[in-house]
Amino acid sequence: VMPEADVLGGIIAGRNLAIGVTAAVFFAAIAVSLVLINVLLMPLTD
């Protein structure tokens, strides 16, 4: 009798880590994009 977590625990942890890193990179990219867009569009708005 073997728990699924023993087999998939590392995979799930890796998956969760990958999702977390991807989400962090995604939101960081959005933040950087918003800053860049603001910097680039501010003169256009003006």
ModelCIF file with pLDDT and N, C-alpha, C, O atoms, coordinates in Angstrom:
data_MODEL
#
_entry.id   MODEL 
#
_entity.id                         1 
_entity.type                       polymer 
_entity.pdbx_number_of_molecules   1 
#
_entity_poly.entity_id                      1 
_entity_poly.type                           'polypeptide(L)' 
_entity_poly.nstd_linkage                   no 
_entity_poly.nstd_monomer                   no 
_entity_poly.pdbx_seq_one_letter_code       VMPEADVLGGIIAGRNLAIGVTAAVFFAAIAVSLVLINVLLMPLTD 
_entity_poly.pdbx_seq_one_letter_code_can   VMPEADVLGGIIAGRNLAIGVTAAVFFAAIAVSLVLINVLLMPLTD 
_entity_poly.pdbx_strand_id                 A 
#
loop_
_entity_poly_seq.entity_id 
_entity_poly_seq.num 
_entity_poly_seq.mon_id 
_entity_poly_seq.hetero 
1 1  VAL n 
1 2  MET n 
1 3  PRO n 
1 4  GLU n 
1 5  ALA n 
1 6  ASP n 
1 7  VAL n 
1 8  LEU n 
1 9  GLY n 
1 10 GLY n 
1 11 ILE n 
1 12 ILE n 
1 13 ALA n 
1 14 GLY n 
1 15 ARG n 
1 16 ASN n 
1 17 LEU n 
1 18 ALA n 
1 19 ILE n 
1 20 GLY n 
1 21 VAL n 
1 22 THR n 
1 23 ALA n 
1 24 ALA n 
1 25 VAL n 
1 26 PHE n 
1 27 PHE n 
1 28 ALA n 
1 29 ALA n 
1 30 ILE n 
1 31 ALA n 
1 32 VAL n 
1 33 SER n 
1 34 LEU n 
1 35 VAL n 
1 36 LEU n 
1 37 ILE n 
1 38 ASN n 
1 39 VAL n 
1 40 LEU n 
1 41 LEU n 
1 42 MET n 
1 43 PRO n 
1 44 LEU n 
1 45 THR n 
1 46 ASP n 
#
_struct_asym.id          A 
_struct_asym.entity_id   1 
#
loop_
_ma_qa_metric.id 
_ma_qa_metric.mode 
_ma_qa_metric.name 
_ma_qa_metric.software_group_id 
_ma_qa_metric.type 
1 global pLDDT . pLDDT 
2 local  pLDDT . pLDDT 
#
_ma_qa_metric_global.metric_id      1 
_ma_qa_metric_global.metric_value   83.24 
_ma_qa_metric_global.model_id       1 
_ma_qa_metric_global.ordinal_id     1 
#
loop_
_ma_qa_metric_local.label_asym_id 
_ma_qa_metric_local.label_comp_id 
_ma_qa_metric_local.label_seq_id 
_ma_qa_metric_local.metric_id 
_ma_qa_metric_local.metric_value 
_ma_qa_metric_local.model_id 
_ma_qa_metric_local.ordinal_id 
A VAL 1  2 89.00 1 1  
A MET 2  2 89.00 1 2  
A PRO 3  2 88.00 1 3  
A GLU 4  2 83.00 1 4  
A ALA 5  2 82.00 1 5  
A ASP 6  2 83.00 1 6  
A VAL 7  2 78.00 1 7  
A LEU 8  2 77.00 1 8  
A GLY 9  2 72.00 1 9  
A GLY 10 2 74.00 1 10 
A ILE 11 2 76.00 1 11 
A ILE 12 2 74.00 1 12 
A ALA 13 2 76.00 1 13 
A GLY 14 2 80.00 1 14 
A ARG 15 2 80.00 1 15 
A ASN 16 2 83.00 1 16 
A LEU 17 2 86.00 1 17 
A ALA 18 2 88.00 1 18 
A ILE 19 2 90.00 1 19 
A GLY 20 2 90.00 1 20 
A VAL 21 2 91.00 1 21 
A THR 22 2 91.00 1 22 
A ALA 23 2 92.00 1 23 
A ALA 24 2 92.00 1 24 
A VAL 25 2 92.00 1 25 
A PHE 26 2 92.00 1 26 
A PHE 27 2 91.00 1 27 
A ALA 28 2 91.00 1 28 
A ALA 29 2 91.00 1 29 
A ILE 30 2 91.00 1 30 
A ALA 31 2 89.00 1 31 
A VAL 32 2 88.00 1 32 
A SER 33 2 86.00 1 33 
A LEU 34 2 84.00 1 34 
A VAL 35 2 84.00 1 35 
A LEU 36 2 79.00 1 36 
A ILE 37 2 78.00 1 37 
A ASN 38 2 78.00 1 38 
A VAL 39 2 74.00 1 39 
A LEU 40 2 72.00 1 40 
A LEU 41 2 74.00 1 41 
A MET 42 2 78.00 1 42 
A PRO 43 2 78.00 1 43 
A LEU 44 2 76.00 1 44 
A THR 45 2 79.00 1 45 
A ASP 46 2 80.00 1 46 
#
loop_
_atom_site.group_PDB 
_atom_site.id 
_atom_site.type_symbol 
_atom_site.label_atom_id 
_atom_site.label_alt_id 
_atom_site.label_comp_id 
_atom_site.label_asym_id 
_atom_site.label_entity_id 
_atom_site.label_seq_id 
_atom_site.pdbx_PDB_ins_code 
_atom_site.Cartn_x 
_atom_site.Cartn_y 
_atom_site.Cartn_z 
_atom_site.occupancy 
_atom_site.B_iso_or_equiv 
_atom_site.pdbx_formal_charge 
_atom_site.auth_seq_id 
_atom_site.auth_comp_id 
_atom_site.auth_asym_id 
_atom_site.auth_atom_id 
_atom_site.pdbx_PDB_model_num 
ATOM 1   N N  . VAL A 1 1  ? 0.872  -1.188 0.000   1.00 89.00 ? 1  VAL A N  1 
ATOM 2   C CA . VAL A 1 1  ? 0.000  0.000  0.000   1.00 89.00 ? 1  VAL A CA 1 
ATOM 3   C C  . VAL A 1 1  ? 0.907  1.235  0.000   1.00 89.00 ? 1  VAL A C  1 
ATOM 4   O O  . VAL A 1 1  ? 1.713  1.435  0.909   1.00 89.00 ? 1  VAL A O  1 
ATOM 5   N N  . MET A 1 2  ? 0.754  2.050  -1.034  1.00 89.00 ? 2  MET A N  1 
ATOM 6   C CA . MET A 1 2  ? 1.676  3.185  -1.216  1.00 89.00 ? 2  MET A CA 1 
ATOM 7   C C  . MET A 1 2  ? 0.866  4.472  -1.452  1.00 89.00 ? 2  MET A C  1 
ATOM 8   O O  . MET A 1 2  ? 0.007  4.486  -2.334  1.00 89.00 ? 2  MET A O  1 
ATOM 9   N N  . PRO A 1 3  ? 1.116  5.562  -0.687  1.00 88.00 ? 3  PRO A N  1 
ATOM 10  C CA . PRO A 1 3  ? 0.421  6.839  -0.913  1.00 88.00 ? 3  PRO A CA 1 
ATOM 11  C C  . PRO A 1 3  ? 0.838  7.459  -2.250  1.00 88.00 ? 3  PRO A C  1 
ATOM 12  O O  . PRO A 1 3  ? 1.999  7.397  -2.655  1.00 88.00 ? 3  PRO A O  1 
ATOM 13  N N  . GLU A 1 4  ? -0.134 8.046  -2.905  1.00 83.00 ? 4  GLU A N  1 
ATOM 14  C CA . GLU A 1 4  ? 0.163  8.717  -4.180  1.00 83.00 ? 4  GLU A CA 1 
ATOM 15  C C  . GLU A 1 4  ? 1.199  9.821  -3.999  1.00 83.00 ? 4  GLU A C  1 
ATOM 16  O O  . GLU A 1 4  ? 1.996  10.094 -4.897  1.00 83.00 ? 4  GLU A O  1 
ATOM 17  N N  . ALA A 1 5  ? 1.177  10.456 -2.815  1.00 82.00 ? 5  ALA A N  1 
ATOM 18  C CA . ALA A 1 5  ? 2.106  11.561 -2.572  1.00 82.00 ? 5  ALA A CA 1 
ATOM 19  C C  . ALA A 1 5  ? 3.553  11.110 -2.632  1.00 82.00 ? 5  ALA A C  1 
ATOM 20  O O  . ALA A 1 5  ? 4.440  11.884 -2.992  1.00 82.00 ? 5  ALA A O  1 
ATOM 21  N N  . ASP A 1 6  ? 3.794  9.819  -2.269  1.00 83.00 ? 6  ASP A N  1 
ATOM 22  C CA . ASP A 1 6  ? 5.177  9.332  -2.348  1.00 83.00 ? 6  ASP A CA 1 
ATOM 23  C C  . ASP A 1 6  ? 5.658  9.272  -3.785  1.00 83.00 ? 6  ASP A C  1 
ATOM 24  O O  . ASP A 1 6  ? 6.843  9.457  -4.062  1.00 83.00 ? 6  ASP A O  1 
ATOM 25  N N  . VAL A 1 7  ? 4.724  9.010  -4.707  1.00 78.00 ? 7  VAL A N  1 
ATOM 26  C CA . VAL A 1 7  ? 5.097  8.902  -6.124  1.00 78.00 ? 7  VAL A CA 1 
ATOM 27  C C  . VAL A 1 7  ? 5.080  10.266 -6.799  1.00 78.00 ? 7  VAL A C  1 
ATOM 28  O O  . VAL A 1 7  ? 6.008  10.650 -7.510  1.00 78.00 ? 7  VAL A O  1 
ATOM 29  N N  . LEU A 1 8  ? 3.956  11.001 -6.540  1.00 77.00 ? 8  LEU A N  1 
ATOM 30  C CA . LEU A 1 8  ? 3.763  12.266 -7.250  1.00 77.00 ? 8  LEU A CA 1 
ATOM 31  C C  . LEU A 1 8  ? 4.124  13.493 -6.423  1.00 77.00 ? 8  LEU A C  1 
ATOM 32  O O  . LEU A 1 8  ? 4.099  14.620 -6.918  1.00 77.00 ? 8  LEU A O  1 
ATOM 33  N N  . GLY A 1 9  ? 4.462  13.256 -5.142  1.00 72.00 ? 9  GLY A N  1 
ATOM 34  C CA . GLY A 1 9  ? 4.748  14.405 -4.281  1.00 72.00 ? 9  GLY A CA 1 
ATOM 35  C C  . GLY A 1 9  ? 5.814  15.318 -4.846  1.00 72.00 ? 9  GLY A C  1 
ATOM 36  O O  . GLY A 1 9  ? 5.640  16.536 -4.888  1.00 72.00 ? 9  GLY A O  1 
ATOM 37  N N  . GLY A 1 10 ? 6.924  14.730 -5.283  1.00 74.00 ? 10 GLY A N  1 
ATOM 38  C CA . GLY A 1 10 ? 7.985  15.551 -5.865  1.00 74.00 ? 10 GLY A CA 1 
ATOM 39  C C  . GLY A 1 10 ? 7.550  16.211 -7.154  1.00 74.00 ? 10 GLY A C  1 
ATOM 40  O O  . GLY A 1 10 ? 7.886  17.360 -7.441  1.00 74.00 ? 10 GLY A O  1 
ATOM 41  N N  . ILE A 1 11 ? 6.770  15.425 -7.944  1.00 76.00 ? 11 ILE A N  1 
ATOM 42  C CA . ILE A 1 11 ? 6.297  15.987 -9.217  1.00 76.00 ? 11 ILE A CA 1 
ATOM 43  C C  . ILE A 1 11 ? 5.334  17.142 -8.952  1.00 76.00 ? 11 ILE A C  1 
ATOM 44  O O  . ILE A 1 11 ? 5.417  18.193 -9.586  1.00 76.00 ? 11 ILE A O  1 
ATOM 45  N N  . ILE A 1 12 ? 4.402  16.926 -7.986  1.00 74.00 ? 12 ILE A N  1 
ATOM 46  C CA . ILE A 1 12 ? 3.445  17.983 -7.659  1.00 74.00 ? 12 ILE A CA 1 
ATOM 47  C C  . ILE A 1 12 ? 4.156  19.201 -7.079  1.00 74.00 ? 12 ILE A C  1 
ATOM 48  O O  . ILE A 1 12 ? 3.850  20.344 -7.416  1.00 74.00 ? 12 ILE A O  1 
ATOM 49  N N  . ALA A 1 13 ? 5.130  18.917 -6.182  1.00 76.00 ? 13 ALA A N  1 
ATOM 50  C CA . ALA A 1 13 ? 5.881  20.043 -5.614  1.00 76.00 ? 13 ALA A CA 1 
ATOM 51  C C  . ALA A 1 13 ? 6.630  20.805 -6.712  1.00 76.00 ? 13 ALA A C  1 
ATOM 52  O O  . ALA A 1 13 ? 6.669  22.036 -6.732  1.00 76.00 ? 13 ALA A O  1 
ATOM 53  N N  . GLY A 1 14 ? 7.226  20.018 -7.630  1.00 80.00 ? 14 GLY A N  1 
ATOM 54  C CA . GLY A 1 14 ? 7.918  20.669 -8.752  1.00 80.00 ? 14 GLY A CA 1 
ATOM 55  C C  . GLY A 1 14 ? 6.958  21.439 -9.629  1.00 80.00 ? 14 GLY A C  1 
ATOM 56  O O  . GLY A 1 14 ? 7.243  22.541 -10.100 1.00 80.00 ? 14 GLY A O  1 
ATOM 57  N N  . ARG A 1 15 ? 5.765  20.794 -9.840  1.00 80.00 ? 15 ARG A N  1 
ATOM 58  C CA . ARG A 1 15 ? 4.751  21.487 -10.639 1.00 80.00 ? 15 ARG A CA 1 
ATOM 59  C C  . ARG A 1 15 ? 4.308  22.780 -9.963  1.00 80.00 ? 15 ARG A C  1 
ATOM 60  O O  . ARG A 1 15 ? 4.211  23.829 -10.598 1.00 80.00 ? 15 ARG A O  1 
ATOM 61  N N  . ASN A 1 16 ? 4.040  22.681 -8.650  1.00 83.00 ? 16 ASN A N  1 
ATOM 62  C CA . ASN A 1 16 ? 3.617  23.882 -7.920  1.00 83.00 ? 16 ASN A CA 1 
ATOM 63  C C  . ASN A 1 16 ? 4.699  24.947 -7.926  1.00 83.00 ? 16 ASN A C  1 
ATOM 64  O O  . ASN A 1 16 ? 4.426  26.140 -8.059  1.00 83.00 ? 16 ASN A O  1 
ATOM 65  N N  . LEU A 1 17 ? 5.949  24.479 -7.777  1.00 86.00 ? 17 LEU A N  1 
ATOM 66  C CA . LEU A 1 17 ? 7.054  25.439 -7.826  1.00 86.00 ? 17 LEU A CA 1 
ATOM 67  C C  . LEU A 1 17 ? 7.136  26.095 -9.198  1.00 86.00 ? 17 LEU A C  1 
ATOM 68  O O  . LEU A 1 17 ? 7.336  27.304 -9.318  1.00 86.00 ? 17 LEU A O  1 
ATOM 69  N N  . ALA A 1 18 ? 6.976  25.265 -10.238 1.00 88.00 ? 18 ALA A N  1 
ATOM 70  C CA . ALA A 1 18 ? 7.023  25.809 -11.599 1.00 88.00 ? 18 ALA A CA 1 
ATOM 71  C C  . ALA A 1 18 ? 5.889  26.797 -11.839 1.00 88.00 ? 18 ALA A C  1 
ATOM 72  O O  . ALA A 1 18 ? 6.072  27.856 -12.438 1.00 88.00 ? 18 ALA A O  1 
ATOM 73  N N  . ILE A 1 19 ? 4.674  26.402 -11.334 1.00 90.00 ? 19 ILE A N  1 
ATOM 74  C CA . ILE A 1 19 ? 3.538  27.317 -11.489 1.00 90.00 ? 19 ILE A CA 1 
ATOM 75  C C  . ILE A 1 19 ? 3.788  28.607 -10.729 1.00 90.00 ? 19 ILE A C  1 
ATOM 76  O O  . ILE A 1 19 ? 3.516  29.697 -11.233 1.00 90.00 ? 19 ILE A O  1 
ATOM 77  N N  . GLY A 1 20 ? 4.320  28.477 -9.488  1.00 90.00 ? 20 GLY A N  1 
ATOM 78  C CA . GLY A 1 20 ? 4.600  29.668 -8.695  1.00 90.00 ? 20 GLY A CA 1 
ATOM 79  C C  . GLY A 1 20 ? 5.621  30.573 -9.351  1.00 90.00 ? 20 GLY A C  1 
ATOM 80  O O  . GLY A 1 20 ? 5.456  31.791 -9.416  1.00 90.00 ? 20 GLY A O  1 
ATOM 81  N N  . VAL A 1 21 ? 6.704  29.930 -9.848  1.00 91.00 ? 21 VAL A N  1 
ATOM 82  C CA . VAL A 1 21 ? 7.736  30.724 -10.528 1.00 91.00 ? 21 VAL A CA 1 
ATOM 83  C C  . VAL A 1 21 ? 7.176  31.374 -11.786 1.00 91.00 ? 21 VAL A C  1 
ATOM 84  O O  . VAL A 1 21 ? 7.446  32.540 -12.076 1.00 91.00 ? 21 VAL A O  1 
ATOM 85  N N  . THR A 1 22 ? 6.375  30.580 -12.540 1.00 91.00 ? 22 THR A N  1 
ATOM 86  C CA . THR A 1 22 ? 5.782  31.128 -13.772 1.00 91.00 ? 22 THR A CA 1 
ATOM 87  C C  . THR A 1 22 ? 4.854  32.298 -13.458 1.00 91.00 ? 22 THR A C  1 
ATOM 88  O O  . THR A 1 22 ? 4.876  33.329 -14.131 1.00 91.00 ? 22 THR A O  1 
ATOM 89  N N  . ALA A 1 23 ? 4.024  32.112 -12.402 1.00 92.00 ? 23 ALA A N  1 
ATOM 90  C CA . ALA A 1 23 ? 3.107  33.196 -12.022 1.00 92.00 ? 23 ALA A CA 1 
ATOM 91  C C  . ALA A 1 23 ? 3.876  34.427 -11.568 1.00 92.00 ? 23 ALA A C  1 
ATOM 92  O O  . ALA A 1 23 ? 3.536  35.558 -11.915 1.00 92.00 ? 23 ALA A O  1 
ATOM 93  N N  . ALA A 1 24 ? 4.941  34.176 -10.767 1.00 92.00 ? 24 ALA A N  1 
ATOM 94  C CA . ALA A 1 24 ? 5.743  35.309 -10.303 1.00 92.00 ? 24 ALA A CA 1 
ATOM 95  C C  . ALA A 1 24 ? 6.393  36.049 -11.471 1.00 92.00 ? 24 ALA A C  1 
ATOM 96  O O  . ALA A 1 24 ? 6.399  37.279 -11.531 1.00 92.00 ? 24 ALA A O  1 
ATOM 97  N N  . VAL A 1 25 ? 6.944  35.256 -12.402 1.00 92.00 ? 25 VAL A N  1 
ATOM 98  C CA . VAL A 1 25 ? 7.562  35.885 -13.584 1.00 92.00 ? 25 VAL A CA 1 
ATOM 99  C C  . VAL A 1 25 ? 6.510  36.625 -14.416 1.00 92.00 ? 25 VAL A C  1 
ATOM 100 O O  . VAL A 1 25 ? 6.756  37.709 -14.943 1.00 92.00 ? 25 VAL A O  1 
ATOM 101 N N  . PHE A 1 26 ? 5.312  35.993 -14.517 1.00 92.00 ? 26 PHE A N  1 
ATOM 102 C CA . PHE A 1 26 ? 4.233  36.611 -15.302 1.00 92.00 ? 26 PHE A CA 1 
ATOM 103 C C  . PHE A 1 26 ? 3.835  37.961 -14.714 1.00 92.00 ? 26 PHE A C  1 
ATOM 104 O O  . PHE A 1 26 ? 3.756  38.964 -15.422 1.00 92.00 ? 26 PHE A O  1 
ATOM 105 N N  . PHE A 1 27 ? 3.582  37.965 -13.389 1.00 91.00 ? 27 PHE A N  1 
ATOM 106 C CA . PHE A 1 27 ? 3.160  39.222 -12.762 1.00 91.00 ? 27 PHE A CA 1 
ATOM 107 C C  . PHE A 1 27 ? 4.298  40.241 -12.737 1.00 91.00 ? 27 PHE A C  1 
ATOM 108 O O  . PHE A 1 27 ? 4.077  41.444 -12.872 1.00 91.00 ? 27 PHE A O  1 
ATOM 109 N N  . ALA A 1 28 ? 5.519  39.733 -12.562 1.00 91.00 ? 28 ALA A N  1 
ATOM 110 C CA . ALA A 1 28 ? 6.655  40.658 -12.624 1.00 91.00 ? 28 ALA A CA 1 
ATOM 111 C C  . ALA A 1 28 ? 6.770  41.264 -14.017 1.00 91.00 ? 28 ALA A C  1 
ATOM 112 O O  . ALA A 1 28 ? 7.054  42.451 -14.178 1.00 91.00 ? 28 ALA A O  1 
ATOM 113 N N  . ALA A 1 29 ? 6.540  40.411 -15.030 1.00 91.00 ? 29 ALA A N  1 
ATOM 114 C CA . ALA A 1 29 ? 6.584  40.916 -16.412 1.00 91.00 ? 29 ALA A CA 1 
ATOM 115 C C  . ALA A 1 29 ? 5.482  41.946 -16.645 1.00 91.00 ? 29 ALA A C  1 
ATOM 116 O O  . ALA A 1 29 ? 5.691  42.957 -17.316 1.00 91.00 ? 29 ALA A O  1 
ATOM 117 N N  . ILE A 1 30 ? 4.290  41.668 -16.073 1.00 91.00 ? 30 ILE A N  1 
ATOM 118 C CA . ILE A 1 30 ? 3.196  42.642 -16.212 1.00 91.00 ? 30 ILE A CA 1 
ATOM 119 C C  . ILE A 1 30 ? 3.574  43.958 -15.548 1.00 91.00 ? 30 ILE A C  1 
ATOM 120 O O  . ILE A 1 30 ? 3.365  45.033 -16.111 1.00 91.00 ? 30 ILE A O  1 
ATOM 121 N N  . ALA A 1 31 ? 4.140  43.861 -14.327 1.00 89.00 ? 31 ALA A N  1 
ATOM 122 C CA . ALA A 1 31 ? 4.526  45.080 -13.613 1.00 89.00 ? 31 ALA A CA 1 
ATOM 123 C C  . ALA A 1 31 ? 5.574  45.861 -14.392 1.00 89.00 ? 31 ALA A C  1 
ATOM 124 O O  . ALA A 1 31 ? 5.478  47.078 -14.552 1.00 89.00 ? 31 ALA A O  1 
ATOM 125 N N  . VAL A 1 32 ? 6.594  45.118 -14.881 1.00 88.00 ? 32 VAL A N  1 
ATOM 126 C CA . VAL A 1 32 ? 7.633  45.798 -15.666 1.00 88.00 ? 32 VAL A CA 1 
ATOM 127 C C  . VAL A 1 32 ? 7.044  46.379 -16.942 1.00 88.00 ? 32 VAL A C  1 
ATOM 128 O O  . VAL A 1 32 ? 7.408  47.477 -17.364 1.00 88.00 ? 32 VAL A O  1 
ATOM 129 N N  . SER A 1 33 ? 6.118  45.621 -17.561 1.00 86.00 ? 33 SER A N  1 
ATOM 130 C CA . SER A 1 33 ? 5.489  46.116 -18.792 1.00 86.00 ? 33 SER A CA 1 
ATOM 131 C C  . SER A 1 33 ? 4.686  47.382 -18.527 1.00 86.00 ? 33 SER A C  1 
ATOM 132 O O  . SER A 1 33 ? 4.727  48.332 -19.309 1.00 86.00 ? 33 SER A O  1 
ATOM 133 N N  . LEU A 1 34 ? 3.949  47.383 -17.404 1.00 84.00 ? 34 LEU A N  1 
ATOM 134 C CA . LEU A 1 34 ? 3.162  48.571 -17.075 1.00 84.00 ? 34 LEU A CA 1 
ATOM 135 C C  . LEU A 1 34 ? 4.057  49.771 -16.837 1.00 84.00 ? 34 LEU A C  1 
ATOM 136 O O  . LEU A 1 34 ? 3.754  50.889 -17.253 1.00 84.00 ? 34 LEU A O  1 
ATOM 137 N N  . VAL A 1 35 ? 5.184  49.512 -16.148 1.00 84.00 ? 35 VAL A N  1 
ATOM 138 C CA . VAL A 1 35 ? 6.126  50.622 -15.911 1.00 84.00 ? 35 VAL A CA 1 
ATOM 139 C C  . VAL A 1 35 ? 6.689  51.125 -17.236 1.00 84.00 ? 35 VAL A C  1 
ATOM 140 O O  . VAL A 1 35 ? 6.745  52.329 -17.483 1.00 84.00 ? 35 VAL A O  1 
ATOM 141 N N  . LEU A 1 36 ? 7.111  50.170 -18.096 1.00 79.00 ? 36 LEU A N  1 
ATOM 142 C CA . LEU A 1 36 ? 7.670  50.574 -19.388 1.00 79.00 ? 36 LEU A CA 1 
ATOM 143 C C  . LEU A 1 36 ? 6.625  51.278 -20.240 1.00 79.00 ? 36 LEU A C  1 
ATOM 144 O O  . LEU A 1 36 ? 6.909  52.289 -20.881 1.00 79.00 ? 36 LEU A O  1 
ATOM 145 N N  . ILE A 1 37 ? 5.391  50.722 -20.239 1.00 78.00 ? 37 ILE A N  1 
ATOM 146 C CA . ILE A 1 37 ? 4.326  51.347 -21.018 1.00 78.00 ? 37 ILE A CA 1 
ATOM 147 C C  . ILE A 1 37 ? 4.056  52.749 -20.502 1.00 78.00 ? 37 ILE A C  1 
ATOM 148 O O  . ILE A 1 37 ? 3.865  53.687 -21.277 1.00 78.00 ? 37 ILE A O  1 
ATOM 149 N N  . ASN A 1 38 ? 4.043  52.881 -19.154 1.00 78.00 ? 38 ASN A N  1 
ATOM 150 C CA . ASN A 1 38 ? 3.806  54.201 -18.580 1.00 78.00 ? 38 ASN A CA 1 
ATOM 151 C C  . ASN A 1 38 ? 4.913  55.172 -18.974 1.00 78.00 ? 38 ASN A C  1 
ATOM 152 O O  . ASN A 1 38 ? 4.660  56.327 -19.319 1.00 78.00 ? 38 ASN A O  1 
ATOM 153 N N  . VAL A 1 39 ? 6.177  54.662 -18.912 1.00 74.00 ? 39 VAL A N  1 
ATOM 154 C CA . VAL A 1 39 ? 7.301  55.524 -19.284 1.00 74.00 ? 39 VAL A CA 1 
ATOM 155 C C  . VAL A 1 39 ? 7.226  55.905 -20.756 1.00 74.00 ? 39 VAL A C  1 
ATOM 156 O O  . VAL A 1 39 ? 7.506  57.043 -21.134 1.00 74.00 ? 39 VAL A O  1 
ATOM 157 N N  . LEU A 1 40 ? 6.835  54.916 -21.593 1.00 72.00 ? 40 LEU A N  1 
ATOM 158 C CA . LEU A 1 40 ? 6.793  55.172 -23.028 1.00 72.00 ? 40 LEU A CA 1 
ATOM 159 C C  . LEU A 1 40 ? 5.575  55.999 -23.427 1.00 72.00 ? 40 LEU A C  1 
ATOM 160 O O  . LEU A 1 40 ? 5.654  56.864 -24.298 1.00 72.00 ? 40 LEU A O  1 
ATOM 161 N N  . LEU A 1 41 ? 4.434  55.714 -22.765 1.00 74.00 ? 41 LEU A N  1 
ATOM 162 C CA . LEU A 1 41 ? 3.204  56.385 -23.174 1.00 74.00 ? 41 LEU A CA 1 
ATOM 163 C C  . LEU A 1 41 ? 2.999  57.729 -22.497 1.00 74.00 ? 41 LEU A C  1 
ATOM 164 O O  . LEU A 1 41 ? 2.200  58.538 -22.968 1.00 74.00 ? 41 LEU A O  1 
ATOM 165 N N  . MET A 1 42 ? 3.705  57.984 -21.400 1.00 78.00 ? 42 MET A N  1 
ATOM 166 C CA . MET A 1 42 ? 3.525  59.259 -20.732 1.00 78.00 ? 42 MET A CA 1 
ATOM 167 C C  . MET A 1 42 ? 3.795  60.436 -21.673 1.00 78.00 ? 42 MET A C  1 
ATOM 168 O O  . MET A 1 42 ? 3.003  61.377 -21.711 1.00 78.00 ? 42 MET A O  1 
ATOM 169 N N  . PRO A 1 43 ? 4.906  60.406 -22.441 1.00 78.00 ? 43 PRO A N  1 
ATOM 170 C CA . PRO A 1 43 ? 5.098  61.500 -23.396 1.00 78.00 ? 43 PRO A CA 1 
ATOM 171 C C  . PRO A 1 43 ? 3.998  61.551 -24.451 1.00 78.00 ? 43 PRO A C  1 
ATOM 172 O O  . PRO A 1 43 ? 3.601  62.634 -24.884 1.00 78.00 ? 43 PRO A O  1 
ATOM 173 N N  . LEU A 1 44 ? 3.494  60.361 -24.876 1.00 76.00 ? 44 LEU A N  1 
ATOM 174 C CA . LEU A 1 44 ? 2.416  60.351 -25.866 1.00 76.00 ? 44 LEU A CA 1 
ATOM 175 C C  . LEU A 1 44 ? 1.139  60.927 -25.274 1.00 76.00 ? 44 LEU A C  1 
ATOM 176 O O  . LEU A 1 44 ? 0.421  61.679 -25.933 1.00 76.00 ? 44 LEU A O  1 
ATOM 177 N N  . THR A 1 45 ? 0.861  60.565 -24.019 1.00 79.00 ? 45 THR A N  1 
ATOM 178 C CA . THR A 1 45 ? -0.315 61.126 -23.351 1.00 79.00 ? 45 THR A CA 1 
ATOM 179 C C  . THR A 1 45 ? -0.192 62.633 -23.229 1.00 79.00 ? 45 THR A C  1 
ATOM 180 O O  . THR A 1 45 ? -1.160 63.368 -23.423 1.00 79.00 ? 45 THR A O  1 
ATOM 181 N N  . ASP A 1 46 ? 1.017  63.083 -22.903 1.00 80.00 ? 46 ASP A N  1 
ATOM 182 C CA . ASP A 1 46 ? 1.240  64.529 -22.780 1.00 80.00 ? 46 ASP A CA 1 
ATOM 183 C C  . ASP A 1 46 ? 1.047  65.222 -24.125 1.00 80.00 ? 46 ASP A C  1 
ATOM 184 O O  . ASP A 1 46 ? 1.193  66.440 -24.218 1.00 80.00 ? 46 ASP A O  1 
#
